[in-house]
Amino acid sequence: MVRDFISKNRGVIRDYLTAVSGAGGRLVFSLVYFIALANTLTIAEFGIFATASAAGIMLSRIASFGFVSPLYRIATVKRHLIGAYTAGYLLFTLLSLPVLAAAALALHWIFFSGEISLSVFAMIVFTEAIVWRGFEVVLIVNNGMGRFSHSAVLAIVGTMIRAIGAAALSLVVAPDLETWSWYYLAANSVALLLAVVVFYPRQRLRLAWRLYRR
């Protein structure tokens, strides 16, 4: 019975194991990342960064006004339209920037004004809401296309690059939160560039308003 089940569901089992391996590898490098960062920044700075990062993740849902959802759906059923919907995602991300900036300013004024400078907070939020969110979009599109092995490798590599950034910070003579915000932006930017160049499907970008109005 077990053998028959495995035989009939070989593809599903393979995809599941691939996804689990990606999550496991990501967990290992996430642990390295947090240990390196926690042992480099002060406890206060680490706590402020973690809170600002969480705020950036929350604000990332404003970016592109939710256009990630239709992009994922298209990747699952109509792959030939990925180029059109990617252009839409980029356009709506650009249009959402003023709203994202206003929300970030309000959040900083209410919760962070006495804890972290606006410039450092803005850099962390931009990294989370735009750069790392863009990296996640590449993961989402690959998952929608059934390229689970690509997603697993990308998840591990992206987290590894952030871990390398945290390790590099420990080599700085006087590491602080402002310095880390630059390292954090750089590491995430490298991960995003790698994801787009190597793992994103090659299609011509084109705007298609009649599709977006739906």
N, C-alpha and C. Protein backbone atom coordinates (compact mmCIF):
# COMPACT_ATOMS: atom_id res chain seq x y z
N MET A 1 0.83 -1.20 0.00
CA MET A 1 0.00 0.00 0.00
C MET A 1 0.87 1.27 0.00
N VAL A 2 1.87 1.28 0.86
CA VAL A 2 2.78 2.43 0.93
C VAL A 2 3.52 2.60 -0.38
N ARG A 3 3.96 1.48 -0.94
CA ARG A 3 4.70 1.53 -2.21
C ARG A 3 3.82 2.08 -3.32
N ASP A 4 2.56 1.67 -3.36
CA ASP A 4 1.64 2.17 -4.38
C ASP A 4 1.40 3.67 -4.22
N PHE A 5 1.25 4.08 -2.95
CA PHE A 5 1.03 5.51 -2.68
C PHE A 5 2.21 6.34 -3.16
N ILE A 6 3.43 5.88 -2.85
CA ILE A 6 4.64 6.59 -3.27
C ILE A 6 4.74 6.63 -4.78
N SER A 7 4.42 5.52 -5.42
CA SER A 7 4.49 5.44 -6.86
C SER A 7 3.52 6.41 -7.54
N LYS A 8 2.31 6.53 -7.00
CA LYS A 8 1.29 7.39 -7.59
C LYS A 8 1.52 8.87 -7.28
N ASN A 9 2.22 9.14 -6.20
CA ASN A 9 2.38 10.53 -5.76
C ASN A 9 3.86 10.93 -5.71
N ARG A 10 4.63 10.34 -6.57
CA ARG A 10 6.08 10.59 -6.55
C ARG A 10 6.40 12.08 -6.75
N GLY A 11 5.71 12.72 -7.69
CA GLY A 11 5.98 14.13 -7.96
C GLY A 11 5.62 15.02 -6.78
N VAL A 12 4.48 14.74 -6.15
CA VAL A 12 4.05 15.53 -4.99
C VAL A 12 5.02 15.36 -3.84
N ILE A 13 5.45 14.13 -3.60
CA ILE A 13 6.38 13.85 -2.51
C ILE A 13 7.72 14.55 -2.77
N ARG A 14 8.17 14.51 -4.02
CA ARG A 14 9.44 15.17 -4.37
C ARG A 14 9.34 16.68 -4.12
N ASP A 15 8.23 17.29 -4.54
CA ASP A 15 8.05 18.72 -4.35
C ASP A 15 7.99 19.07 -2.86
N TYR A 16 7.30 18.22 -2.10
CA TYR A 16 7.19 18.46 -0.66
C TYR A 16 8.56 18.40 0.02
N LEU A 17 9.34 17.39 -0.31
CA LEU A 17 10.67 17.25 0.29
C LEU A 17 11.58 18.40 -0.13
N THR A 18 11.43 18.87 -1.35
CA THR A 18 12.22 20.01 -1.82
C THR A 18 11.88 21.26 -1.02
N ALA A 19 10.57 21.49 -0.82
CA ALA A 19 10.14 22.65 -0.04
C ALA A 19 10.63 22.57 1.40
N VAL A 20 10.55 21.39 1.99
CA VAL A 20 11.00 21.21 3.37
C VAL A 20 12.51 21.43 3.49
N SER A 21 13.26 20.95 2.49
CA SER A 21 14.71 21.14 2.53
C SER A 21 15.07 22.62 2.45
N GLY A 22 14.31 23.37 1.64
CA GLY A 22 14.54 24.82 1.55
C GLY A 22 14.26 25.51 2.87
N ALA A 23 13.16 25.12 3.51
CA ALA A 23 12.82 25.71 4.81
C ALA A 23 13.87 25.35 5.86
N GLY A 24 14.37 24.10 5.81
CA GLY A 24 15.39 23.68 6.76
C GLY A 24 16.69 24.44 6.59
N GLY A 25 17.13 24.58 5.33
CA GLY A 25 18.35 25.33 5.06
C GLY A 25 18.22 26.78 5.45
N ARG A 26 17.04 27.34 5.20
CA ARG A 26 16.79 28.73 5.58
C ARG A 26 16.85 28.89 7.09
N LEU A 27 16.33 27.92 7.81
CA LEU A 27 16.35 27.97 9.27
C LEU A 27 17.78 27.97 9.81
N VAL A 28 18.64 27.14 9.23
CA VAL A 28 20.03 27.05 9.69
C VAL A 28 20.74 28.39 9.52
N PHE A 29 20.62 29.00 8.33
CA PHE A 29 21.31 30.27 8.08
C PHE A 29 20.65 31.42 8.83
N SER A 30 19.34 31.32 9.10
CA SER A 30 18.69 32.33 9.92
C SER A 30 19.26 32.30 11.34
N LEU A 31 19.54 31.11 11.84
CA LEU A 31 20.12 30.98 13.16
C LEU A 31 21.51 31.62 13.20
N VAL A 32 22.31 31.34 12.16
CA VAL A 32 23.65 31.95 12.06
C VAL A 32 23.53 33.46 12.00
N TYR A 33 22.59 33.94 11.22
CA TYR A 33 22.36 35.38 11.05
C TYR A 33 22.03 36.05 12.37
N PHE A 34 21.10 35.50 13.11
CA PHE A 34 20.69 36.11 14.37
C PHE A 34 21.77 36.03 15.44
N ILE A 35 22.48 34.93 15.48
CA ILE A 35 23.56 34.80 16.46
C ILE A 35 24.66 35.82 16.18
N ALA A 36 25.05 35.94 14.90
CA ALA A 36 26.09 36.89 14.52
C ALA A 36 25.67 38.32 14.83
N LEU A 37 24.43 38.64 14.53
CA LEU A 37 23.95 40.01 14.74
C LEU A 37 23.79 40.32 16.23
N ALA A 38 23.23 39.37 16.98
CA ALA A 38 23.00 39.58 18.40
C ALA A 38 24.31 39.72 19.18
N ASN A 39 25.37 39.12 18.67
CA ASN A 39 26.67 39.21 19.35
C ASN A 39 27.51 40.37 18.85
N THR A 40 26.98 41.14 17.90
CA THR A 40 27.71 42.30 17.38
C THR A 40 27.08 43.60 17.85
N LEU A 41 25.77 43.74 17.71
CA LEU A 41 25.08 44.92 18.20
C LEU A 41 24.85 44.82 19.70
N THR A 42 24.61 45.95 20.32
CA THR A 42 24.23 45.92 21.73
C THR A 42 22.82 45.35 21.84
N ILE A 43 22.44 44.94 23.03
CA ILE A 43 21.10 44.38 23.23
C ILE A 43 20.04 45.39 22.85
N ALA A 44 20.25 46.65 23.23
CA ALA A 44 19.28 47.71 22.92
C ALA A 44 19.17 47.90 21.40
N GLU A 45 20.30 47.96 20.72
CA GLU A 45 20.28 48.17 19.27
C GLU A 45 19.65 46.98 18.55
N PHE A 46 19.96 45.78 19.03
CA PHE A 46 19.38 44.59 18.41
C PHE A 46 17.87 44.59 18.57
N GLY A 47 17.39 44.98 19.74
CA GLY A 47 15.95 45.03 19.97
C GLY A 47 15.27 46.08 19.11
N ILE A 48 15.90 47.25 18.98
CA ILE A 48 15.34 48.30 18.14
C ILE A 48 15.31 47.87 16.68
N PHE A 49 16.40 47.24 16.24
CA PHE A 49 16.42 46.77 14.85
C PHE A 49 15.34 45.74 14.60
N ALA A 50 15.19 44.78 15.50
CA ALA A 50 14.17 43.74 15.32
C ALA A 50 12.78 44.35 15.25
N THR A 51 12.52 45.36 16.08
CA THR A 51 11.21 46.00 16.08
C THR A 51 11.00 46.81 14.80
N ALA A 52 12.03 47.55 14.38
CA ALA A 52 11.93 48.32 13.14
C ALA A 52 11.77 47.40 11.93
N SER A 53 12.47 46.26 11.95
CA SER A 53 12.36 45.28 10.88
C SER A 53 10.95 44.73 10.80
N ALA A 54 10.37 44.43 11.96
CA ALA A 54 8.99 43.93 12.00
C ALA A 54 8.03 44.98 11.47
N ALA A 55 8.28 46.25 11.79
CA ALA A 55 7.45 47.33 11.26
C ALA A 55 7.57 47.40 9.74
N GLY A 56 8.80 47.20 9.22
CA GLY A 56 9.00 47.20 7.78
C GLY A 56 8.26 46.06 7.10
N ILE A 57 8.26 44.89 7.73
CA ILE A 57 7.53 43.75 7.17
C ILE A 57 6.03 44.04 7.13
N MET A 58 5.53 44.67 8.19
CA MET A 58 4.11 45.04 8.23
C MET A 58 3.79 46.05 7.12
N LEU A 59 4.66 47.06 6.97
CA LEU A 59 4.43 48.09 5.97
C LEU A 59 4.61 47.56 4.54
N SER A 60 5.33 46.44 4.40
CA SER A 60 5.55 45.89 3.06
C SER A 60 4.24 45.46 2.41
N ARG A 61 3.20 45.26 3.20
CA ARG A 61 1.90 44.87 2.65
C ARG A 61 1.24 46.03 1.92
N ILE A 62 1.73 47.25 2.17
CA ILE A 62 1.23 48.39 1.42
C ILE A 62 1.85 48.44 0.03
N ALA A 63 3.10 48.01 -0.07
CA ALA A 63 3.83 48.08 -1.33
C ALA A 63 3.08 47.35 -2.44
N SER A 64 2.95 48.00 -3.57
CA SER A 64 2.27 47.51 -4.78
C SER A 64 0.77 47.34 -4.59
N PHE A 65 0.25 47.77 -3.43
CA PHE A 65 -1.20 47.69 -3.17
C PHE A 65 -1.75 46.28 -3.36
N GLY A 66 -0.95 45.29 -2.97
CA GLY A 66 -1.43 43.91 -3.02
C GLY A 66 -1.34 43.26 -4.39
N PHE A 67 -0.59 43.86 -5.33
CA PHE A 67 -0.53 43.30 -6.68
C PHE A 67 0.25 41.99 -6.75
N VAL A 68 0.89 41.61 -5.64
CA VAL A 68 1.59 40.32 -5.61
C VAL A 68 0.61 39.17 -5.80
N SER A 69 -0.59 39.32 -5.26
CA SER A 69 -1.59 38.25 -5.34
C SER A 69 -1.96 37.90 -6.78
N PRO A 70 -2.36 38.86 -7.63
CA PRO A 70 -2.65 38.50 -9.03
C PRO A 70 -1.41 38.01 -9.78
N LEU A 71 -0.23 38.51 -9.43
CA LEU A 71 0.98 38.02 -10.07
C LEU A 71 1.19 36.55 -9.76
N TYR A 72 0.94 36.15 -8.51
CA TYR A 72 1.07 34.73 -8.15
C TYR A 72 0.04 33.88 -8.88
N ARG A 73 -1.19 34.36 -8.95
CA ARG A 73 -2.24 33.58 -9.63
C ARG A 73 -1.90 33.38 -11.10
N ILE A 74 -1.38 34.43 -11.74
CA ILE A 74 -1.01 34.32 -13.15
C ILE A 74 0.13 33.32 -13.33
N ALA A 75 1.08 33.31 -12.39
CA ALA A 75 2.21 32.38 -12.47
C ALA A 75 1.74 30.93 -12.39
N THR A 76 0.60 30.69 -11.76
CA THR A 76 0.11 29.32 -11.62
C THR A 76 -0.67 28.84 -12.83
N VAL A 77 -1.34 29.75 -13.55
CA VAL A 77 -2.25 29.30 -14.61
C VAL A 77 -1.95 29.87 -16.00
N LYS A 78 -1.35 31.05 -16.09
CA LYS A 78 -1.11 31.69 -17.38
C LYS A 78 0.30 32.28 -17.40
N ARG A 79 1.27 31.41 -17.52
CA ARG A 79 2.66 31.84 -17.41
C ARG A 79 3.07 32.83 -18.48
N HIS A 80 2.40 32.80 -19.63
CA HIS A 80 2.76 33.72 -20.71
C HIS A 80 2.44 35.17 -20.38
N LEU A 81 1.67 35.40 -19.29
CA LEU A 81 1.31 36.76 -18.88
C LEU A 81 2.17 37.26 -17.72
N ILE A 82 3.16 36.50 -17.32
CA ILE A 82 4.00 36.91 -16.19
C ILE A 82 4.69 38.25 -16.48
N GLY A 83 5.14 38.45 -17.72
CA GLY A 83 5.79 39.71 -18.08
C GLY A 83 4.85 40.89 -17.90
N ALA A 84 3.59 40.75 -18.31
CA ALA A 84 2.61 41.83 -18.18
C ALA A 84 2.31 42.11 -16.72
N TYR A 85 2.15 41.08 -15.94
CA TYR A 85 1.81 41.27 -14.53
C TYR A 85 3.03 41.70 -13.70
N THR A 86 4.22 41.35 -14.14
CA THR A 86 5.41 41.86 -13.47
C THR A 86 5.54 43.36 -13.70
N ALA A 87 5.24 43.81 -14.91
CA ALA A 87 5.24 45.24 -15.19
C ALA A 87 4.20 45.95 -14.33
N GLY A 88 3.04 45.31 -14.17
CA GLY A 88 2.01 45.87 -13.30
C GLY A 88 2.46 45.95 -11.86
N TYR A 89 3.14 44.90 -11.40
CA TYR A 89 3.66 44.90 -10.03
C TYR A 89 4.65 46.04 -9.83
N LEU A 90 5.55 46.25 -10.78
CA LEU A 90 6.54 47.32 -10.67
C LEU A 90 5.86 48.69 -10.69
N LEU A 91 4.86 48.84 -11.56
CA LEU A 91 4.15 50.11 -11.64
C LEU A 91 3.42 50.42 -10.34
N PHE A 92 2.69 49.45 -9.82
CA PHE A 92 1.93 49.68 -8.61
C PHE A 92 2.83 49.82 -7.38
N THR A 93 4.01 49.20 -7.42
CA THR A 93 4.99 49.43 -6.36
C THR A 93 5.42 50.89 -6.36
N LEU A 94 5.69 51.43 -7.54
CA LEU A 94 6.08 52.83 -7.66
C LEU A 94 4.96 53.75 -7.17
N LEU A 95 3.72 53.44 -7.56
CA LEU A 95 2.59 54.26 -7.14
C LEU A 95 2.33 54.20 -5.64
N SER A 96 2.71 53.09 -5.04
CA SER A 96 2.45 52.92 -3.60
C SER A 96 3.51 53.58 -2.72
N LEU A 97 4.62 54.02 -3.31
CA LEU A 97 5.71 54.58 -2.51
C LEU A 97 5.30 55.79 -1.66
N PRO A 98 4.53 56.75 -2.19
CA PRO A 98 4.12 57.87 -1.33
C PRO A 98 3.28 57.42 -0.12
N VAL A 99 2.39 56.47 -0.34
CA VAL A 99 1.56 55.96 0.76
C VAL A 99 2.43 55.22 1.77
N LEU A 100 3.36 54.42 1.27
CA LEU A 100 4.29 53.69 2.13
C LEU A 100 5.14 54.65 2.95
N ALA A 101 5.63 55.71 2.30
CA ALA A 101 6.46 56.70 2.99
C ALA A 101 5.66 57.41 4.07
N ALA A 102 4.42 57.77 3.77
CA ALA A 102 3.58 58.46 4.75
C ALA A 102 3.30 57.56 5.96
N ALA A 103 3.02 56.30 5.70
CA ALA A 103 2.77 55.36 6.80
C ALA A 103 4.02 55.16 7.64
N ALA A 104 5.19 55.09 6.99
CA ALA A 104 6.44 54.92 7.72
C ALA A 104 6.74 56.14 8.58
N LEU A 105 6.50 57.33 8.04
CA LEU A 105 6.71 58.55 8.81
C LEU A 105 5.81 58.58 10.05
N ALA A 106 4.54 58.22 9.86
CA ALA A 106 3.61 58.21 10.98
C ALA A 106 4.03 57.20 12.04
N LEU A 107 4.46 56.02 11.58
CA LEU A 107 4.88 54.98 12.51
C LEU A 107 6.12 55.41 13.29
N HIS A 108 7.07 56.05 12.60
CA HIS A 108 8.27 56.53 13.29
C HIS A 108 7.92 57.61 14.31
N TRP A 109 7.04 58.52 13.93
CA TRP A 109 6.66 59.62 14.83
C TRP A 109 5.95 59.09 16.09
N ILE A 110 5.12 58.08 15.91
CA ILE A 110 4.35 57.56 17.04
C ILE A 110 5.18 56.66 17.96
N PHE A 111 5.98 55.78 17.37
CA PHE A 111 6.63 54.74 18.15
C PHE A 111 8.15 54.83 18.24
N PHE A 112 8.83 55.40 17.24
CA PHE A 112 10.28 55.26 17.17
C PHE A 112 11.06 56.57 17.27
N SER A 113 10.38 57.70 17.38
CA SER A 113 11.08 58.98 17.29
C SER A 113 12.15 59.15 18.37
N GLY A 114 11.96 58.57 19.52
CA GLY A 114 12.93 58.70 20.60
C GLY A 114 13.93 57.56 20.66
N GLU A 115 13.83 56.61 19.74
CA GLU A 115 14.66 55.41 19.79
C GLU A 115 15.64 55.28 18.63
N ILE A 116 15.26 55.76 17.44
CA ILE A 116 16.05 55.55 16.25
C ILE A 116 15.85 56.74 15.31
N SER A 117 16.92 57.16 14.64
CA SER A 117 16.80 58.29 13.73
C SER A 117 15.90 57.94 12.55
N LEU A 118 15.30 58.97 11.96
CA LEU A 118 14.38 58.75 10.85
C LEU A 118 15.11 58.13 9.66
N SER A 119 16.35 58.56 9.40
CA SER A 119 17.09 58.05 8.25
C SER A 119 17.37 56.56 8.37
N VAL A 120 17.78 56.12 9.56
CA VAL A 120 18.07 54.70 9.78
C VAL A 120 16.77 53.89 9.71
N PHE A 121 15.72 54.41 10.33
CA PHE A 121 14.43 53.73 10.29
C PHE A 121 13.94 53.59 8.86
N ALA A 122 14.07 54.68 8.08
CA ALA A 122 13.63 54.66 6.68
C ALA A 122 14.41 53.63 5.87
N MET A 123 15.71 53.51 6.16
CA MET A 123 16.52 52.55 5.42
C MET A 123 16.10 51.11 5.73
N ILE A 124 15.82 50.84 6.99
CA ILE A 124 15.40 49.50 7.39
C ILE A 124 14.03 49.17 6.77
N VAL A 125 13.12 50.13 6.82
CA VAL A 125 11.78 49.92 6.25
C VAL A 125 11.88 49.72 4.74
N PHE A 126 12.68 50.54 4.06
CA PHE A 126 12.85 50.39 2.62
C PHE A 126 13.42 49.02 2.28
N THR A 127 14.38 48.57 3.06
CA THR A 127 14.99 47.27 2.81
C THR A 127 13.96 46.15 2.95
N GLU A 128 13.15 46.21 3.99
CA GLU A 128 12.15 45.17 4.22
C GLU A 128 11.00 45.26 3.22
N ALA A 129 10.46 46.47 3.05
CA ALA A 129 9.22 46.64 2.30
C ALA A 129 9.41 46.61 0.79
N ILE A 130 10.58 46.99 0.31
CA ILE A 130 10.81 47.04 -1.12
C ILE A 130 11.82 45.99 -1.58
N VAL A 131 13.00 45.98 -0.96
CA VAL A 131 14.08 45.10 -1.43
C VAL A 131 13.79 43.64 -1.09
N TRP A 132 13.61 43.35 0.20
CA TRP A 132 13.37 41.95 0.58
C TRP A 132 12.01 41.47 0.09
N ARG A 133 11.03 42.37 0.04
CA ARG A 133 9.72 41.99 -0.50
C ARG A 133 9.85 41.62 -1.97
N GLY A 134 10.70 42.35 -2.70
CA GLY A 134 10.96 41.98 -4.09
C GLY A 134 11.58 40.61 -4.21
N PHE A 135 12.50 40.30 -3.29
CA PHE A 135 13.10 38.96 -3.26
C PHE A 135 12.02 37.91 -3.03
N GLU A 136 11.11 38.18 -2.12
CA GLU A 136 10.03 37.23 -1.84
C GLU A 136 9.11 37.05 -3.04
N VAL A 137 8.94 38.10 -3.83
CA VAL A 137 8.11 37.99 -5.03
C VAL A 137 8.70 36.98 -6.01
N VAL A 138 10.03 36.99 -6.13
CA VAL A 138 10.68 36.00 -7.00
C VAL A 138 10.39 34.59 -6.48
N LEU A 139 10.46 34.40 -5.17
CA LEU A 139 10.12 33.11 -4.57
C LEU A 139 8.68 32.73 -4.88
N ILE A 140 7.77 33.68 -4.70
CA ILE A 140 6.35 33.43 -4.90
C ILE A 140 6.06 33.02 -6.35
N VAL A 141 6.66 33.74 -7.30
CA VAL A 141 6.44 33.42 -8.71
C VAL A 141 6.97 32.04 -9.05
N ASN A 142 8.16 31.70 -8.53
CA ASN A 142 8.72 30.37 -8.79
C ASN A 142 7.85 29.27 -8.18
N ASN A 143 7.32 29.52 -7.00
CA ASN A 143 6.40 28.53 -6.39
C ASN A 143 5.14 28.39 -7.23
N GLY A 144 4.62 29.51 -7.73
CA GLY A 144 3.43 29.46 -8.56
C GLY A 144 3.65 28.67 -9.83
N MET A 145 4.87 28.73 -10.36
CA MET A 145 5.20 27.99 -11.58
C MET A 145 5.58 26.54 -11.30
N GLY A 146 5.58 26.16 -10.04
CA GLY A 146 5.94 24.79 -9.68
C GLY A 146 7.43 24.54 -9.63
N ARG A 147 8.22 25.59 -9.65
CA ARG A 147 9.68 25.45 -9.58
C ARG A 147 10.12 25.43 -8.12
N PHE A 148 9.75 24.40 -7.42
CA PHE A 148 10.01 24.35 -5.98
C PHE A 148 11.50 24.21 -5.67
N SER A 149 12.23 23.55 -6.53
CA SER A 149 13.67 23.42 -6.31
C SER A 149 14.36 24.78 -6.43
N HIS A 150 13.90 25.61 -7.39
CA HIS A 150 14.44 26.96 -7.53
C HIS A 150 14.17 27.77 -6.27
N SER A 151 12.93 27.67 -5.79
CA SER A 151 12.55 28.42 -4.60
C SER A 151 13.35 27.98 -3.37
N ALA A 152 13.57 26.67 -3.26
CA ALA A 152 14.33 26.15 -2.11
C ALA A 152 15.76 26.67 -2.13
N VAL A 153 16.38 26.60 -3.29
CA VAL A 153 17.77 27.09 -3.42
C VAL A 153 17.83 28.58 -3.15
N LEU A 154 16.88 29.32 -3.71
CA LEU A 154 16.88 30.77 -3.55
C LEU A 154 16.66 31.17 -2.09
N ALA A 155 15.76 30.47 -1.40
CA ALA A 155 15.51 30.77 0.01
C ALA A 155 16.78 30.58 0.84
N ILE A 156 17.50 29.51 0.57
CA ILE A 156 18.74 29.24 1.31
C ILE A 156 19.80 30.29 0.98
N VAL A 157 19.98 30.57 -0.31
CA VAL A 157 21.02 31.52 -0.72
C VAL A 157 20.71 32.92 -0.19
N GLY A 158 19.46 33.34 -0.27
CA GLY A 158 19.10 34.67 0.23
C GLY A 158 19.38 34.83 1.71
N THR A 159 19.01 33.84 2.49
CA THR A 159 19.25 33.89 3.93
C THR A 159 20.75 33.81 4.22
N MET A 160 21.48 33.03 3.43
CA MET A 160 22.93 32.92 3.60
C MET A 160 23.61 34.27 3.36
N ILE A 161 23.15 35.00 2.35
CA ILE A 161 23.74 36.31 2.05
C ILE A 161 23.50 37.27 3.21
N ARG A 162 22.32 37.22 3.81
CA ARG A 162 22.07 38.08 4.97
C ARG A 162 22.95 37.67 6.15
N ALA A 163 23.17 36.37 6.30
CA ALA A 163 24.04 35.89 7.37
C ALA A 163 25.49 36.37 7.15
N ILE A 164 25.92 36.37 5.88
CA ILE A 164 27.27 36.86 5.56
C ILE A 164 27.36 38.35 5.89
N GLY A 165 26.31 39.10 5.61
CA GLY A 165 26.29 40.52 5.95
C GLY A 165 26.42 40.75 7.45
N ALA A 166 25.71 39.93 8.23
CA ALA A 166 25.79 40.06 9.69
C ALA A 166 27.18 39.68 10.19
N ALA A 167 27.78 38.65 9.58
CA ALA A 167 29.13 38.25 9.97
C ALA A 167 30.15 39.33 9.61
N ALA A 168 29.95 39.98 8.45
CA ALA A 168 30.85 41.04 8.02
C ALA A 168 30.78 42.23 8.97
N LEU A 169 29.62 42.48 9.55
CA LEU A 169 29.48 43.59 10.49
C LEU A 169 30.38 43.41 11.71
N SER A 170 30.58 42.16 12.10
CA SER A 170 31.41 41.89 13.28
C SER A 170 32.87 42.28 13.05
N LEU A 171 33.28 42.48 11.80
CA LEU A 171 34.65 42.87 11.49
C LEU A 171 34.86 44.38 11.56
N VAL A 172 33.76 45.13 11.68
CA VAL A 172 33.85 46.59 11.78
C VAL A 172 34.39 46.96 13.16
N VAL A 173 35.22 47.99 13.19
CA VAL A 173 35.85 48.40 14.45
C VAL A 173 34.82 48.82 15.49
N ALA A 174 33.87 49.65 15.07
CA ALA A 174 32.84 50.12 16.02
C ALA A 174 31.46 49.95 15.40
N PRO A 175 30.96 48.73 15.34
CA PRO A 175 29.66 48.48 14.70
C PRO A 175 28.51 49.10 15.49
N ASP A 176 27.59 49.70 14.79
CA ASP A 176 26.40 50.26 15.43
C ASP A 176 25.21 50.05 14.51
N LEU A 177 24.04 50.51 14.94
CA LEU A 177 22.82 50.25 14.19
C LEU A 177 22.82 50.96 12.84
N GLU A 178 23.38 52.17 12.79
CA GLU A 178 23.43 52.89 11.52
C GLU A 178 24.31 52.15 10.50
N THR A 179 25.46 51.68 10.95
CA THR A 179 26.33 50.91 10.06
C THR A 179 25.63 49.64 9.58
N TRP A 180 24.95 48.97 10.51
CA TRP A 180 24.25 47.75 10.14
C TRP A 180 23.15 48.01 9.13
N SER A 181 22.48 49.16 9.22
CA SER A 181 21.41 49.46 8.26
C SER A 181 21.96 49.51 6.83
N TRP A 182 23.19 50.01 6.66
CA TRP A 182 23.82 50.02 5.34
C TRP A 182 24.20 48.61 4.90
N TYR A 183 24.77 47.84 5.81
CA TYR A 183 25.12 46.45 5.51
C TYR A 183 23.86 45.64 5.17
N TYR A 184 22.80 45.90 5.92
CA TYR A 184 21.54 45.17 5.72
C TYR A 184 20.97 45.47 4.34
N LEU A 185 20.99 46.75 3.96
CA LEU A 185 20.50 47.14 2.63
C LEU A 185 21.35 46.50 1.54
N ALA A 186 22.67 46.51 1.73
CA ALA A 186 23.57 45.94 0.73
C ALA A 186 23.35 44.44 0.57
N ALA A 187 23.26 43.71 1.69
CA ALA A 187 23.08 42.25 1.63
C ALA A 187 21.76 41.88 0.95
N ASN A 188 20.70 42.57 1.31
CA ASN A 188 19.40 42.28 0.71
C ASN A 188 19.35 42.66 -0.76
N SER A 189 20.06 43.72 -1.12
CA SER A 189 20.11 44.14 -2.52
C SER A 189 20.84 43.10 -3.37
N VAL A 190 21.93 42.54 -2.83
CA VAL A 190 22.65 41.48 -3.54
C VAL A 190 21.75 40.27 -3.73
N ALA A 191 21.00 39.91 -2.68
CA ALA A 191 20.09 38.76 -2.77
C ALA A 191 19.01 39.00 -3.82
N LEU A 192 18.46 40.22 -3.85
CA LEU A 192 17.42 40.54 -4.84
C LEU A 192 17.98 40.51 -6.26
N LEU A 193 19.16 41.09 -6.45
CA LEU A 193 19.78 41.10 -7.78
C LEU A 193 20.02 39.67 -8.27
N LEU A 194 20.56 38.83 -7.40
CA LEU A 194 20.81 37.43 -7.76
C LEU A 194 19.50 36.73 -8.11
N ALA A 195 18.47 36.97 -7.32
CA ALA A 195 17.18 36.32 -7.56
C ALA A 195 16.60 36.71 -8.91
N VAL A 196 16.64 37.99 -9.24
CA VAL A 196 16.07 38.47 -10.49
C VAL A 196 16.87 37.97 -11.68
N VAL A 197 18.18 38.06 -11.60
CA VAL A 197 19.04 37.71 -12.74
C VAL A 197 19.02 36.20 -13.02
N VAL A 198 19.05 35.40 -11.95
CA VAL A 198 19.22 33.95 -12.13
C VAL A 198 17.89 33.20 -12.13
N PHE A 199 16.93 33.62 -11.30
CA PHE A 199 15.76 32.78 -11.05
C PHE A 199 14.45 33.31 -11.61
N TYR A 200 14.39 34.58 -12.03
CA TYR A 200 13.10 35.10 -12.49
C TYR A 200 12.88 34.72 -13.96
N PRO A 201 11.67 34.32 -14.33
CA PRO A 201 11.40 33.91 -15.72
C PRO A 201 11.65 35.05 -16.69
N ARG A 202 12.23 34.72 -17.83
CA ARG A 202 12.57 35.72 -18.83
C ARG A 202 11.37 36.01 -19.72
N GLN A 203 10.75 37.16 -19.51
CA GLN A 203 9.66 37.61 -20.36
C GLN A 203 9.75 39.12 -20.53
N ARG A 204 9.28 39.59 -21.66
CA ARG A 204 9.30 41.03 -21.94
C ARG A 204 8.27 41.73 -21.06
N LEU A 205 8.68 42.81 -20.42
CA LEU A 205 7.77 43.59 -19.57
C LEU A 205 6.88 44.45 -20.46
N ARG A 206 5.58 44.42 -20.20
CA ARG A 206 4.64 45.24 -20.95
C ARG A 206 3.45 45.55 -20.08
N LEU A 207 2.98 46.79 -20.15
CA LEU A 207 1.82 47.19 -19.38
C LEU A 207 0.54 46.77 -20.10
N ALA A 208 -0.41 46.25 -19.35
CA ALA A 208 -1.68 45.80 -19.93
C ALA A 208 -2.82 46.25 -19.01
N TRP A 209 -3.27 47.47 -19.21
CA TRP A 209 -4.26 48.06 -18.31
C TRP A 209 -5.56 47.27 -18.26
N ARG A 210 -5.97 46.71 -19.38
CA ARG A 210 -7.25 45.98 -19.40
C ARG A 210 -7.19 44.75 -18.48
N LEU A 211 -6.00 44.19 -18.29
CA LEU A 211 -5.84 43.06 -17.38
C LEU A 211 -5.85 43.55 -15.93
N TYR A 212 -5.25 44.69 -15.66
CA TYR A 212 -5.14 45.18 -14.28
C TYR A 212 -6.50 45.62 -13.74
N ARG A 213 -7.37 46.14 -14.62
CA ARG A 213 -8.67 46.64 -14.15
C ARG A 213 -9.54 45.55 -13.55
N ARG A 214 -9.25 44.31 -13.87
CA ARG A 214 -10.02 43.20 -13.32
C ARG A 214 -9.79 43.07 -11.82
